[in-house]
Amino acid sequence: MKALKRIFVITVAVLSLATSPTASAIGNNGEKTVGVTAGYNTRNESAVGGVFLQYRLRRLVRIAPDVSYVFKHHNTDGLAINLNVHMPLSVIPSGRVNLYPLAGFNYTSWSFHPTGNKPAIIEGDDVTERVSKFGLNVGAGLDVYATETLKLFVEGKYVGVRHYSSGVITVGIGYRF
């Protein structure tokens, strides 16, 4: 019952933020947003942290490059570089809440660290194995413009990389200018 009450309160708060008027139009051409993300990667069941930039080319087209680090877990960590295209669709008339499908390209470099006491050939050698591959992203997200300059979002995507595919779920906060 407490969880249901909490969900209701959060929903009411988000809707009240989303329907309040803004001083400027949301989603103009040339809109830029920079910020940080945090989330979860299913490949190594670990946390993800990153930075992003979003640039709106047209009302319904936004380019969104980002760089993320997948923290070490199960002796694996990685670096992901993405170039996605979003198509923001307004959920409510004020434009403060947008649902967006995404598609794009991915470059991921996974590092596999040896387990046990595998000695280095020369002291100080890096015995990490690395696999770097290109792939494709597909997913969706939800933007909420909390204020004129503050944007919050949640995003889920499938990163299709041959033999190294994963799901990534992130939340982010950005400064809009």
N, C-alpha and C. Protein backbone atom coordinates (compact mmCIF):
# COMPACT_ATOMS: atom_id res chain seq x y z
N MET A 1 0.82 -1.19 0.00
CA MET A 1 0.00 0.00 0.00
C MET A 1 0.87 1.26 0.00
N LYS A 2 1.98 1.23 0.75
CA LYS A 2 2.88 2.38 0.78
C LYS A 2 3.48 2.65 -0.59
N ALA A 3 3.82 1.58 -1.32
CA ALA A 3 4.40 1.74 -2.66
C ALA A 3 3.39 2.38 -3.60
N LEU A 4 2.13 1.98 -3.52
CA LEU A 4 1.09 2.55 -4.36
C LEU A 4 0.89 4.03 -4.05
N LYS A 5 0.92 4.37 -2.77
CA LYS A 5 0.78 5.77 -2.36
C LYS A 5 1.96 6.60 -2.88
N ARG A 6 3.17 6.04 -2.79
CA ARG A 6 4.38 6.73 -3.26
C ARG A 6 4.30 6.97 -4.78
N ILE A 7 3.86 5.95 -5.53
CA ILE A 7 3.71 6.10 -6.98
C ILE A 7 2.70 7.19 -7.30
N PHE A 8 1.58 7.24 -6.57
CA PHE A 8 0.56 8.25 -6.80
C PHE A 8 1.11 9.65 -6.54
N VAL A 9 1.83 9.85 -5.45
CA VAL A 9 2.40 11.16 -5.12
C VAL A 9 3.41 11.59 -6.19
N ILE A 10 4.27 10.69 -6.63
CA ILE A 10 5.26 11.01 -7.66
C ILE A 10 4.57 11.37 -8.96
N THR A 11 3.54 10.61 -9.34
CA THR A 11 2.80 10.89 -10.58
C THR A 11 2.15 12.27 -10.52
N VAL A 12 1.51 12.61 -9.42
CA VAL A 12 0.88 13.92 -9.27
C VAL A 12 1.92 15.03 -9.34
N ALA A 13 3.07 14.84 -8.70
CA ALA A 13 4.12 15.85 -8.73
C ALA A 13 4.65 16.07 -10.14
N VAL A 14 4.91 14.99 -10.87
CA VAL A 14 5.41 15.11 -12.25
C VAL A 14 4.39 15.79 -13.14
N LEU A 15 3.12 15.41 -13.02
CA LEU A 15 2.09 16.02 -13.84
C LEU A 15 1.90 17.50 -13.51
N SER A 16 2.00 17.88 -12.26
CA SER A 16 1.87 19.29 -11.92
C SER A 16 3.04 20.11 -12.45
N LEU A 17 4.26 19.54 -12.41
CA LEU A 17 5.41 20.21 -13.02
C LEU A 17 5.24 20.32 -14.53
N ALA A 18 4.73 19.28 -15.13
CA ALA A 18 4.62 19.23 -16.58
C ALA A 18 3.56 20.17 -17.12
N THR A 19 2.55 20.46 -16.35
CA THR A 19 1.47 21.32 -16.85
C THR A 19 1.62 22.78 -16.45
N SER A 20 2.60 23.11 -15.65
CA SER A 20 2.79 24.51 -15.28
C SER A 20 3.36 25.28 -16.48
N PRO A 21 2.98 26.55 -16.65
CA PRO A 21 3.44 27.30 -17.82
C PRO A 21 4.93 27.62 -17.76
N THR A 22 5.53 27.81 -18.92
CA THR A 22 6.94 28.17 -18.99
C THR A 22 7.07 29.53 -19.63
N ALA A 23 8.20 30.16 -19.40
CA ALA A 23 8.44 31.48 -19.98
C ALA A 23 8.83 31.40 -21.44
N SER A 24 9.40 30.28 -21.85
CA SER A 24 9.79 30.14 -23.25
C SER A 24 9.26 28.83 -23.81
N ALA A 25 9.18 28.75 -25.11
CA ALA A 25 8.67 27.55 -25.76
C ALA A 25 9.64 26.39 -25.57
N ILE A 26 9.09 25.20 -25.39
CA ILE A 26 9.89 24.00 -25.23
C ILE A 26 10.09 23.38 -26.61
N GLY A 27 11.30 22.96 -26.90
CA GLY A 27 11.55 22.23 -28.12
C GLY A 27 11.80 23.08 -29.35
N ASN A 28 12.45 24.21 -29.20
CA ASN A 28 12.78 25.06 -30.34
C ASN A 28 13.97 24.51 -31.10
N ASN A 29 14.03 24.82 -32.40
CA ASN A 29 15.22 24.48 -33.18
C ASN A 29 16.43 25.13 -32.54
N GLY A 30 17.54 24.42 -32.50
CA GLY A 30 18.76 24.97 -31.92
C GLY A 30 18.87 24.77 -30.42
N GLU A 31 17.87 24.18 -29.79
CA GLU A 31 17.93 23.92 -28.35
C GLU A 31 19.10 22.99 -28.05
N LYS A 32 19.87 23.32 -27.02
CA LYS A 32 21.02 22.51 -26.62
C LYS A 32 20.85 22.12 -25.15
N THR A 33 21.26 20.90 -24.84
CA THR A 33 21.23 20.42 -23.46
C THR A 33 22.51 19.64 -23.20
N VAL A 34 23.16 19.92 -22.07
CA VAL A 34 24.32 19.14 -21.62
C VAL A 34 24.03 18.63 -20.22
N GLY A 35 24.56 17.44 -19.91
CA GLY A 35 24.30 16.92 -18.58
C GLY A 35 25.00 15.61 -18.30
N VAL A 36 24.55 14.97 -17.23
CA VAL A 36 25.15 13.72 -16.77
C VAL A 36 24.07 12.64 -16.68
N THR A 37 24.53 11.39 -16.78
CA THR A 37 23.63 10.25 -16.68
C THR A 37 24.17 9.23 -15.70
N ALA A 38 23.28 8.41 -15.20
CA ALA A 38 23.66 7.27 -14.35
C ALA A 38 22.66 6.17 -14.63
N GLY A 39 23.11 4.92 -14.54
CA GLY A 39 22.19 3.84 -14.83
C GLY A 39 22.77 2.47 -14.61
N TYR A 40 22.27 1.52 -15.42
CA TYR A 40 22.58 0.10 -15.26
C TYR A 40 22.81 -0.54 -16.62
N ASN A 41 23.84 -1.38 -16.72
CA ASN A 41 24.13 -2.12 -17.95
C ASN A 41 23.95 -3.60 -17.67
N THR A 42 23.20 -4.28 -18.54
CA THR A 42 22.91 -5.70 -18.32
C THR A 42 24.05 -6.62 -18.71
N ARG A 43 25.01 -6.15 -19.50
CA ARG A 43 26.10 -7.01 -19.98
C ARG A 43 26.94 -7.55 -18.82
N ASN A 44 27.37 -6.64 -17.93
CA ASN A 44 28.14 -7.09 -16.77
C ASN A 44 27.41 -6.80 -15.46
N GLU A 45 26.12 -6.48 -15.55
CA GLU A 45 25.28 -6.22 -14.37
C GLU A 45 25.91 -5.18 -13.47
N SER A 46 26.22 -4.03 -14.07
CA SER A 46 26.96 -3.00 -13.35
C SER A 46 26.39 -1.61 -13.59
N ALA A 47 26.88 -0.68 -12.81
CA ALA A 47 26.48 0.72 -12.93
C ALA A 47 27.14 1.37 -14.15
N VAL A 48 26.47 2.40 -14.66
CA VAL A 48 26.95 3.17 -15.81
C VAL A 48 26.91 4.63 -15.42
N GLY A 49 27.91 5.40 -15.82
CA GLY A 49 27.91 6.83 -15.61
C GLY A 49 28.42 7.50 -16.87
N GLY A 50 27.87 8.67 -17.18
CA GLY A 50 28.31 9.31 -18.42
C GLY A 50 27.92 10.77 -18.53
N VAL A 51 28.27 11.34 -19.66
CA VAL A 51 27.93 12.72 -20.00
C VAL A 51 27.25 12.71 -21.38
N PHE A 52 26.41 13.72 -21.62
CA PHE A 52 25.70 13.77 -22.89
C PHE A 52 25.55 15.21 -23.38
N LEU A 53 25.30 15.33 -24.66
CA LEU A 53 24.96 16.59 -25.31
C LEU A 53 23.78 16.29 -26.21
N GLN A 54 22.80 17.16 -26.22
CA GLN A 54 21.67 17.02 -27.14
C GLN A 54 21.52 18.33 -27.90
N TYR A 55 21.29 18.21 -29.22
CA TYR A 55 21.09 19.38 -30.07
C TYR A 55 19.88 19.14 -30.96
N ARG A 56 18.89 20.03 -30.87
CA ARG A 56 17.67 19.87 -31.64
C ARG A 56 17.83 20.54 -33.00
N LEU A 57 17.85 19.72 -34.04
CA LEU A 57 17.97 20.22 -35.41
C LEU A 57 16.64 20.79 -35.91
N ARG A 58 15.58 20.06 -35.65
CA ARG A 58 14.22 20.43 -36.04
C ARG A 58 13.31 20.12 -34.85
N ARG A 59 12.07 20.50 -34.96
CA ARG A 59 11.13 20.26 -33.87
C ARG A 59 11.06 18.78 -33.51
N LEU A 60 11.14 17.88 -34.50
CA LEU A 60 11.02 16.45 -34.26
C LEU A 60 12.32 15.67 -34.45
N VAL A 61 13.46 16.36 -34.55
CA VAL A 61 14.74 15.66 -34.74
C VAL A 61 15.78 16.25 -33.80
N ARG A 62 16.38 15.37 -33.00
CA ARG A 62 17.40 15.80 -32.04
C ARG A 62 18.58 14.84 -32.14
N ILE A 63 19.79 15.37 -32.23
CA ILE A 63 21.01 14.56 -32.23
C ILE A 63 21.51 14.50 -30.80
N ALA A 64 21.92 13.29 -30.36
CA ALA A 64 22.29 13.11 -28.96
C ALA A 64 23.53 12.23 -28.81
N PRO A 65 24.74 12.80 -28.94
CA PRO A 65 25.94 12.01 -28.64
C PRO A 65 26.15 11.89 -27.13
N ASP A 66 26.72 10.77 -26.71
CA ASP A 66 27.06 10.61 -25.30
C ASP A 66 28.23 9.65 -25.14
N VAL A 67 28.89 9.76 -24.00
CA VAL A 67 30.00 8.88 -23.64
C VAL A 67 29.69 8.33 -22.25
N SER A 68 29.80 7.00 -22.11
CA SER A 68 29.49 6.36 -20.83
C SER A 68 30.59 5.39 -20.43
N TYR A 69 30.81 5.31 -19.14
CA TYR A 69 31.74 4.33 -18.59
C TYR A 69 30.92 3.28 -17.85
N VAL A 70 31.16 2.00 -18.17
CA VAL A 70 30.50 0.89 -17.50
C VAL A 70 31.46 0.41 -16.41
N PHE A 71 31.07 0.57 -15.17
CA PHE A 71 31.96 0.27 -14.05
C PHE A 71 32.27 -1.23 -13.96
N LYS A 72 33.44 -1.52 -13.41
CA LYS A 72 33.94 -2.89 -13.32
C LYS A 72 33.07 -3.75 -12.41
N HIS A 73 32.66 -4.88 -12.96
CA HIS A 73 31.93 -5.90 -12.22
C HIS A 73 32.10 -7.21 -12.97
N HIS A 74 32.22 -8.32 -12.27
CA HIS A 74 32.50 -9.61 -12.90
C HIS A 74 33.77 -9.52 -13.77
N ASN A 75 34.77 -8.78 -13.29
CA ASN A 75 36.06 -8.60 -13.96
C ASN A 75 35.93 -8.00 -15.37
N THR A 76 34.89 -7.20 -15.59
CA THR A 76 34.66 -6.58 -16.90
C THR A 76 34.24 -5.13 -16.70
N ASP A 77 34.81 -4.24 -17.49
CA ASP A 77 34.34 -2.85 -17.54
C ASP A 77 34.39 -2.39 -18.99
N GLY A 78 33.85 -1.22 -19.24
CA GLY A 78 33.81 -0.79 -20.63
C GLY A 78 33.61 0.70 -20.81
N LEU A 79 33.84 1.12 -22.03
CA LEU A 79 33.63 2.50 -22.44
C LEU A 79 32.73 2.47 -23.66
N ALA A 80 31.63 3.24 -23.63
CA ALA A 80 30.68 3.26 -24.75
C ALA A 80 30.56 4.68 -25.28
N ILE A 81 30.65 4.82 -26.58
CA ILE A 81 30.44 6.10 -27.26
C ILE A 81 29.25 5.91 -28.20
N ASN A 82 28.24 6.76 -28.04
CA ASN A 82 27.01 6.63 -28.80
C ASN A 82 26.71 7.90 -29.58
N LEU A 83 26.12 7.73 -30.75
CA LEU A 83 25.58 8.85 -31.52
C LEU A 83 24.16 8.46 -31.91
N ASN A 84 23.19 9.01 -31.18
CA ASN A 84 21.79 8.65 -31.37
C ASN A 84 21.02 9.81 -31.99
N VAL A 85 19.89 9.47 -32.59
CA VAL A 85 18.93 10.45 -33.08
C VAL A 85 17.64 10.20 -32.33
N HIS A 86 17.09 11.25 -31.73
CA HIS A 86 15.82 11.17 -31.01
C HIS A 86 14.73 11.83 -31.86
N MET A 87 13.50 11.38 -31.68
CA MET A 87 12.35 12.01 -32.31
C MET A 87 11.36 12.37 -31.20
N PRO A 88 11.55 13.53 -30.53
CA PRO A 88 10.70 13.88 -29.38
C PRO A 88 9.26 14.19 -29.80
N LEU A 89 8.33 13.50 -29.16
CA LEU A 89 6.91 13.68 -29.42
C LEU A 89 6.26 14.16 -28.12
N SER A 90 5.61 15.31 -28.18
CA SER A 90 5.00 15.90 -27.00
C SER A 90 3.86 15.03 -26.48
N VAL A 91 3.88 14.75 -25.18
CA VAL A 91 2.85 13.94 -24.55
C VAL A 91 1.68 14.81 -24.12
N ILE A 92 1.97 16.05 -23.70
CA ILE A 92 0.93 16.99 -23.30
C ILE A 92 1.11 18.28 -24.09
N PRO A 93 0.05 19.07 -24.26
CA PRO A 93 0.11 20.26 -25.11
C PRO A 93 1.19 21.28 -24.76
N SER A 94 1.55 21.41 -23.49
CA SER A 94 2.55 22.41 -23.12
C SER A 94 3.95 22.05 -23.62
N GLY A 95 4.18 20.80 -24.01
CA GLY A 95 5.48 20.37 -24.50
C GLY A 95 6.50 20.09 -23.41
N ARG A 96 6.06 20.08 -22.16
CA ARG A 96 7.00 19.88 -21.04
C ARG A 96 7.34 18.41 -20.81
N VAL A 97 6.56 17.50 -21.40
CA VAL A 97 6.83 16.07 -21.28
C VAL A 97 6.88 15.50 -22.70
N ASN A 98 7.99 14.87 -23.05
CA ASN A 98 8.18 14.31 -24.38
C ASN A 98 8.55 12.84 -24.28
N LEU A 99 7.94 12.05 -25.13
CA LEU A 99 8.30 10.66 -25.31
C LEU A 99 9.10 10.60 -26.61
N TYR A 100 10.23 9.88 -26.61
CA TYR A 100 11.03 9.85 -27.83
C TYR A 100 11.57 8.45 -28.12
N PRO A 101 11.37 8.00 -29.36
CA PRO A 101 12.10 6.82 -29.81
C PRO A 101 13.52 7.23 -30.16
N LEU A 102 14.46 6.31 -30.09
CA LEU A 102 15.84 6.63 -30.45
C LEU A 102 16.44 5.52 -31.29
N ALA A 103 17.36 5.90 -32.13
CA ALA A 103 18.13 4.95 -32.93
C ALA A 103 19.50 5.58 -33.16
N GLY A 104 20.53 4.75 -33.28
CA GLY A 104 21.85 5.32 -33.49
C GLY A 104 22.95 4.30 -33.57
N PHE A 105 24.16 4.82 -33.53
CA PHE A 105 25.37 4.01 -33.66
C PHE A 105 26.09 3.96 -32.33
N ASN A 106 26.84 2.87 -32.13
CA ASN A 106 27.55 2.65 -30.88
C ASN A 106 28.95 2.13 -31.17
N TYR A 107 29.91 2.58 -30.36
CA TYR A 107 31.25 2.01 -30.33
C TYR A 107 31.52 1.67 -28.88
N THR A 108 31.80 0.40 -28.61
CA THR A 108 32.05 -0.04 -27.24
C THR A 108 33.38 -0.76 -27.16
N SER A 109 34.13 -0.46 -26.12
CA SER A 109 35.38 -1.14 -25.84
C SER A 109 35.26 -1.81 -24.47
N TRP A 110 35.17 -3.14 -24.47
CA TRP A 110 35.08 -3.90 -23.23
C TRP A 110 36.47 -4.34 -22.80
N SER A 111 36.75 -4.24 -21.51
CA SER A 111 38.02 -4.70 -20.94
C SER A 111 37.74 -5.87 -20.02
N PHE A 112 38.46 -6.97 -20.22
CA PHE A 112 38.31 -8.17 -19.41
C PHE A 112 39.58 -8.34 -18.59
N HIS A 113 39.44 -8.35 -17.29
CA HIS A 113 40.57 -8.44 -16.37
C HIS A 113 40.73 -9.88 -15.91
N PRO A 114 41.95 -10.40 -15.91
CA PRO A 114 42.16 -11.79 -15.52
C PRO A 114 41.84 -12.01 -14.05
N THR A 115 41.43 -13.23 -13.76
CA THR A 115 41.14 -13.59 -12.37
C THR A 115 42.30 -14.41 -11.82
N GLY A 116 42.38 -14.48 -10.53
CA GLY A 116 43.42 -15.28 -9.89
C GLY A 116 44.75 -14.55 -9.87
N ASN A 117 45.82 -15.32 -9.73
CA ASN A 117 47.17 -14.76 -9.62
C ASN A 117 47.94 -14.96 -10.92
N LYS A 118 47.38 -14.52 -12.00
CA LYS A 118 48.07 -14.63 -13.29
C LYS A 118 49.17 -13.58 -13.32
N PRO A 119 50.44 -14.00 -13.29
CA PRO A 119 51.53 -13.01 -13.22
C PRO A 119 51.74 -12.30 -14.56
N ALA A 120 52.12 -11.05 -14.47
CA ALA A 120 52.47 -10.29 -15.66
C ALA A 120 53.83 -10.76 -16.16
N ILE A 121 54.05 -10.71 -17.46
CA ILE A 121 55.32 -11.12 -18.03
C ILE A 121 56.43 -10.20 -17.53
N ILE A 122 56.18 -8.93 -17.57
CA ILE A 122 57.11 -7.93 -17.02
C ILE A 122 56.31 -7.15 -16.00
N GLU A 123 56.89 -6.90 -14.87
CA GLU A 123 56.17 -6.20 -13.82
C GLU A 123 55.63 -4.87 -14.35
N GLY A 124 54.34 -4.63 -14.09
CA GLY A 124 53.70 -3.40 -14.56
C GLY A 124 52.97 -3.58 -15.87
N ASP A 125 53.12 -4.75 -16.52
CA ASP A 125 52.39 -5.00 -17.77
C ASP A 125 50.89 -5.01 -17.51
N ASP A 126 50.14 -4.53 -18.47
CA ASP A 126 48.69 -4.59 -18.42
C ASP A 126 48.27 -5.90 -19.07
N VAL A 127 47.70 -6.80 -18.29
CA VAL A 127 47.30 -8.11 -18.83
C VAL A 127 45.80 -8.14 -19.15
N THR A 128 45.20 -6.96 -19.26
CA THR A 128 43.79 -6.86 -19.60
C THR A 128 43.59 -7.18 -21.07
N GLU A 129 42.53 -7.93 -21.35
CA GLU A 129 42.16 -8.17 -22.74
C GLU A 129 41.06 -7.18 -23.10
N ARG A 130 41.15 -6.60 -24.30
CA ARG A 130 40.16 -5.63 -24.75
C ARG A 130 39.51 -6.09 -26.04
N VAL A 131 38.20 -5.83 -26.12
CA VAL A 131 37.45 -6.10 -27.34
C VAL A 131 36.70 -4.82 -27.67
N SER A 132 36.94 -4.28 -28.86
CA SER A 132 36.27 -3.05 -29.30
C SER A 132 35.47 -3.35 -30.55
N LYS A 133 34.19 -2.93 -30.53
CA LYS A 133 33.29 -3.23 -31.64
C LYS A 133 32.31 -2.10 -31.87
N PHE A 134 31.79 -2.05 -33.11
CA PHE A 134 30.74 -1.11 -33.47
C PHE A 134 29.40 -1.84 -33.40
N GLY A 135 28.34 -1.08 -33.13
CA GLY A 135 27.01 -1.66 -33.05
C GLY A 135 25.93 -0.62 -33.29
N LEU A 136 24.70 -1.02 -33.05
CA LEU A 136 23.53 -0.17 -33.24
C LEU A 136 22.74 -0.06 -31.95
N ASN A 137 22.11 1.10 -31.75
CA ASN A 137 21.25 1.34 -30.60
C ASN A 137 19.81 1.48 -31.07
N VAL A 138 18.89 1.00 -30.26
CA VAL A 138 17.46 1.24 -30.48
C VAL A 138 16.79 1.28 -29.11
N GLY A 139 15.88 2.22 -28.91
CA GLY A 139 15.23 2.34 -27.61
C GLY A 139 14.25 3.47 -27.56
N ALA A 140 13.97 3.93 -26.34
CA ALA A 140 13.02 5.02 -26.13
C ALA A 140 13.34 5.72 -24.81
N GLY A 141 12.79 6.93 -24.67
CA GLY A 141 13.01 7.69 -23.45
C GLY A 141 11.86 8.63 -23.18
N LEU A 142 11.91 9.25 -22.02
CA LEU A 142 10.90 10.21 -21.60
C LEU A 142 11.61 11.42 -20.99
N ASP A 143 11.38 12.61 -21.58
CA ASP A 143 11.92 13.88 -21.09
C ASP A 143 10.88 14.59 -20.25
N VAL A 144 11.31 15.24 -19.17
CA VAL A 144 10.45 16.12 -18.40
C VAL A 144 11.22 17.42 -18.19
N TYR A 145 10.66 18.52 -18.69
CA TYR A 145 11.26 19.84 -18.48
C TYR A 145 10.76 20.34 -17.13
N ALA A 146 11.58 20.18 -16.08
CA ALA A 146 11.18 20.57 -14.73
C ALA A 146 11.09 22.09 -14.61
N THR A 147 12.02 22.79 -15.24
CA THR A 147 12.00 24.25 -15.29
C THR A 147 12.40 24.66 -16.70
N GLU A 148 12.52 25.94 -16.90
CA GLU A 148 12.92 26.47 -18.20
C GLU A 148 14.29 25.96 -18.64
N THR A 149 15.18 25.71 -17.68
CA THR A 149 16.55 25.31 -18.01
C THR A 149 16.94 23.93 -17.49
N LEU A 150 16.07 23.27 -16.75
CA LEU A 150 16.39 21.96 -16.16
C LEU A 150 15.56 20.86 -16.80
N LYS A 151 16.25 19.87 -17.36
CA LYS A 151 15.56 18.75 -17.99
C LYS A 151 15.97 17.45 -17.31
N LEU A 152 14.99 16.61 -17.02
CA LEU A 152 15.20 15.29 -16.45
C LEU A 152 14.75 14.26 -17.48
N PHE A 153 15.38 13.10 -17.50
CA PHE A 153 14.92 12.07 -18.42
C PHE A 153 15.24 10.68 -17.91
N VAL A 154 14.51 9.73 -18.46
CA VAL A 154 14.77 8.31 -18.24
C VAL A 154 14.79 7.68 -19.63
N GLU A 155 15.73 6.75 -19.83
CA GLU A 155 15.92 6.19 -21.16
C GLU A 155 16.30 4.71 -21.06
N GLY A 156 15.78 3.94 -21.96
CA GLY A 156 16.13 2.54 -22.06
C GLY A 156 16.50 2.22 -23.50
N LYS A 157 17.57 1.46 -23.68
CA LYS A 157 17.97 1.11 -25.06
C LYS A 157 18.63 -0.25 -25.09
N TYR A 158 18.51 -0.85 -26.27
CA TYR A 158 19.19 -2.10 -26.56
C TYR A 158 20.40 -1.75 -27.41
N VAL A 159 21.56 -2.19 -26.99
CA VAL A 159 22.80 -1.94 -27.72
C VAL A 159 23.18 -3.25 -28.40
N GLY A 160 22.99 -3.29 -29.70
CA GLY A 160 23.27 -4.49 -30.47
C GLY A 160 24.69 -4.50 -31.00
N VAL A 161 25.54 -5.28 -30.37
CA VAL A 161 26.94 -5.44 -30.77
C VAL A 161 27.19 -6.94 -30.88
N ARG A 162 27.71 -7.39 -31.98
CA ARG A 162 27.88 -8.82 -32.19
C ARG A 162 28.64 -9.46 -31.03
N HIS A 163 28.03 -10.44 -30.39
CA HIS A 163 28.55 -11.20 -29.25
C HIS A 163 28.67 -10.39 -27.96
N TYR A 164 28.34 -9.09 -27.98
CA TYR A 164 28.49 -8.26 -26.78
C TYR A 164 27.28 -7.34 -26.59
N SER A 165 26.10 -7.77 -26.98
CA SER A 165 24.89 -6.95 -26.86
C SER A 165 24.52 -6.75 -25.39
N SER A 166 23.79 -5.67 -25.13
CA SER A 166 23.37 -5.40 -23.76
C SER A 166 22.16 -4.47 -23.76
N GLY A 167 21.54 -4.39 -22.60
CA GLY A 167 20.48 -3.43 -22.36
C GLY A 167 21.03 -2.36 -21.43
N VAL A 168 20.65 -1.12 -21.67
CA VAL A 168 21.13 -0.02 -20.83
C VAL A 168 19.94 0.83 -20.41
N ILE A 169 19.80 1.04 -19.12
CA ILE A 169 18.74 1.89 -18.58
C ILE A 169 19.43 3.03 -17.84
N THR A 170 19.09 4.28 -18.20
CA THR A 170 19.73 5.43 -17.57
C THR A 170 18.70 6.49 -17.17
N VAL A 171 19.08 7.27 -16.21
CA VAL A 171 18.36 8.50 -15.85
C VAL A 171 19.37 9.62 -16.01
N GLY A 172 18.88 10.80 -16.30
CA GLY A 172 19.81 11.91 -16.50
C GLY A 172 19.22 13.24 -16.08
N ILE A 173 20.10 14.18 -15.90
CA ILE A 173 19.73 15.55 -15.60
C ILE A 173 20.58 16.45 -16.46
N GLY A 174 19.95 17.44 -17.06
CA GLY A 174 20.68 18.29 -17.98
C GLY A 174 20.31 19.76 -17.86
N TYR A 175 21.23 20.59 -18.28
CA TYR A 175 21.03 22.03 -18.33
C TYR A 175 20.69 22.41 -19.76
N ARG A 176 19.56 23.02 -19.97
CA ARG A 176 19.08 23.40 -21.29
C ARG A 176 19.41 24.86 -21.54
N PHE A 177 19.97 25.14 -22.73
CA PHE A 177 20.27 26.53 -23.09
C PHE A 177 20.03 26.75 -24.56
